[in-house]
């Protein structure tokens, strides 16, 4: 049962990797003139997709290639944890930014 959950987790990480690439492709449009608020939100979305992409790559390298060096394995784990927390902070900043901008407008 434990191996099924692990394979399921790897599948969702791989699926989210593809979704991040698609999300960054959607956000790539630079032709629109936007307000500062919209640019900030777009930047936060780009950062969260980019950080999650780094997480997916580090997770994949750690699990698929199975490095033998302890230093490399430790750095991959630190990269995975750091990118996970940075993604969380960007996702947390999005509603806080919207709340702050709505409060300034009122």
Protein backbone atom coordinates (compact mmCIF):
# COMPACT_ATOMS: atom_id res chain seq x y z
CA UNK A 1 0.00 0.00 0.00
CA UNK A 2 2.88 2.38 0.77
CA UNK A 3 4.42 1.91 -2.69
CA UNK A 4 1.08 2.72 -4.36
CA UNK A 5 0.92 6.04 -2.49
CA UNK A 6 4.51 6.79 -3.46
CA UNK A 7 3.84 6.11 -7.14
CA UNK A 8 0.69 8.23 -6.94
CA UNK A 9 2.70 11.09 -5.42
CA UNK A 10 5.32 10.84 -8.18
CA UNK A 11 2.56 10.90 -10.79
CA UNK A 12 1.05 14.07 -9.32
CA UNK A 13 4.45 15.75 -9.11
CA UNK A 14 5.02 14.91 -12.78
CA UNK A 15 1.54 16.16 -13.66
CA UNK A 16 2.12 19.40 -11.74
CA UNK A 17 5.45 19.81 -13.58
CA UNK A 18 3.57 19.82 -16.88
CA UNK A 19 0.91 22.13 -15.44
CA UNK A 20 3.61 24.59 -14.31
CA UNK A 21 5.09 24.71 -17.79
CA UNK A 22 1.63 25.35 -19.25
CA UNK A 23 0.94 28.02 -16.59
CA UNK A 24 4.20 29.81 -17.33
CA UNK A 25 3.39 29.66 -21.04
CA UNK A 26 0.02 31.29 -20.40
CA UNK A 27 1.62 34.02 -18.28
CA UNK A 28 4.31 34.68 -20.88
CA UNK A 29 2.14 37.17 -22.82
CA UNK A 30 4.01 40.49 -22.57
CA UNK A 31 2.04 42.53 -25.11
CA UNK A 32 -0.63 43.79 -22.73
CA UNK A 33 -0.32 47.09 -20.89
CA UNK A 34 -1.37 46.40 -17.33
CA UNK A 35 -1.71 48.29 -14.10
CA UNK A 36 0.84 47.91 -11.34
CA UNK A 37 -1.55 45.72 -9.34
CA UNK A 38 -2.01 43.30 -12.25
CA UNK A 39 1.73 43.20 -12.88
CA UNK A 40 2.38 42.34 -9.23
CA UNK A 41 -0.21 39.55 -9.30
CA UNK A 42 1.24 38.20 -12.53
CA UNK A 43 4.73 38.27 -11.03
CA UNK A 44 3.53 36.39 -7.95
CA UNK A 45 1.91 33.76 -10.16
CA UNK A 46 5.10 33.43 -12.22
CA UNK A 47 7.17 33.09 -9.07
CA UNK A 48 4.91 30.40 -7.62
CA UNK A 49 4.95 28.42 -10.88
CA UNK A 50 8.73 28.80 -11.16
CA UNK A 51 9.39 27.75 -7.58
CA UNK A 52 7.11 24.73 -7.96
CA UNK A 53 8.91 23.84 -11.18
CA UNK A 54 12.20 23.89 -9.26
CA UNK A 55 10.59 21.65 -6.63
CA UNK A 56 9.43 19.17 -9.27
CA UNK A 57 12.86 19.04 -10.92
CA UNK A 58 14.69 18.60 -7.61
CA UNK A 59 12.20 15.93 -6.51
CA UNK A 60 12.61 14.11 -9.82
CA UNK A 61 16.40 14.17 -9.68
CA UNK A 62 16.33 12.99 -6.07
CA UNK A 63 13.91 10.10 -6.69
CA UNK A 64 14.67 9.01 -10.24
CA UNK A 65 18.43 9.31 -10.58
CA UNK A 66 19.21 8.30 -6.98
CA UNK A 67 22.52 10.11 -6.53
CA UNK A 68 25.12 8.24 -4.54
CA UNK A 69 26.87 11.29 -3.08
CA UNK A 70 25.60 12.35 0.32
CA UNK A 71 26.43 16.02 -0.31
CA UNK A 72 24.46 16.06 -3.56
CA UNK A 73 21.52 14.29 -1.94
CA UNK A 74 21.49 16.76 0.94
CA UNK A 75 21.62 19.76 -1.39
CA UNK A 76 18.73 18.32 -3.42
CA UNK A 77 16.69 17.89 -0.27
CA UNK A 78 17.43 21.45 0.82
CA UNK A 79 16.52 22.74 -2.66
CA UNK A 80 13.28 20.78 -2.56
CA UNK A 81 12.34 22.12 0.88
CA UNK A 82 13.31 25.70 0.05
CA UNK A 83 11.38 25.77 -3.23
CA UNK A 84 8.36 24.21 -1.46
CA UNK A 85 8.34 26.96 1.18
CA UNK A 86 8.92 29.71 -1.41
CA UNK A 87 5.97 28.40 -3.43
CA UNK A 88 3.83 28.42 -0.30
CA UNK A 89 4.86 31.99 0.51
CA UNK A 90 4.04 33.21 -3.01
CA UNK A 91 0.63 31.53 -2.90
CA UNK A 92 0.01 33.08 0.51
CA UNK A 93 1.03 36.54 -0.76
CA UNK A 94 -1.55 36.54 -3.58
CA UNK A 95 -4.69 36.93 -1.44
CA UNK A 96 -2.85 39.20 0.99
CA UNK A 97 -1.87 41.48 -1.90
CA UNK A 98 -5.45 41.57 -3.20
CA UNK A 99 -6.73 42.36 0.29
CA UNK A 100 -4.18 45.16 0.71
CA UNK A 101 -5.02 46.70 -2.68
CA UNK A 102 -8.75 46.51 -1.98
CA UNK A 103 -8.20 48.20 1.36
CA UNK A 104 -6.17 51.03 -0.26
CA UNK A 105 -8.94 51.62 -2.83
CA UNK A 106 -11.58 51.95 -0.07
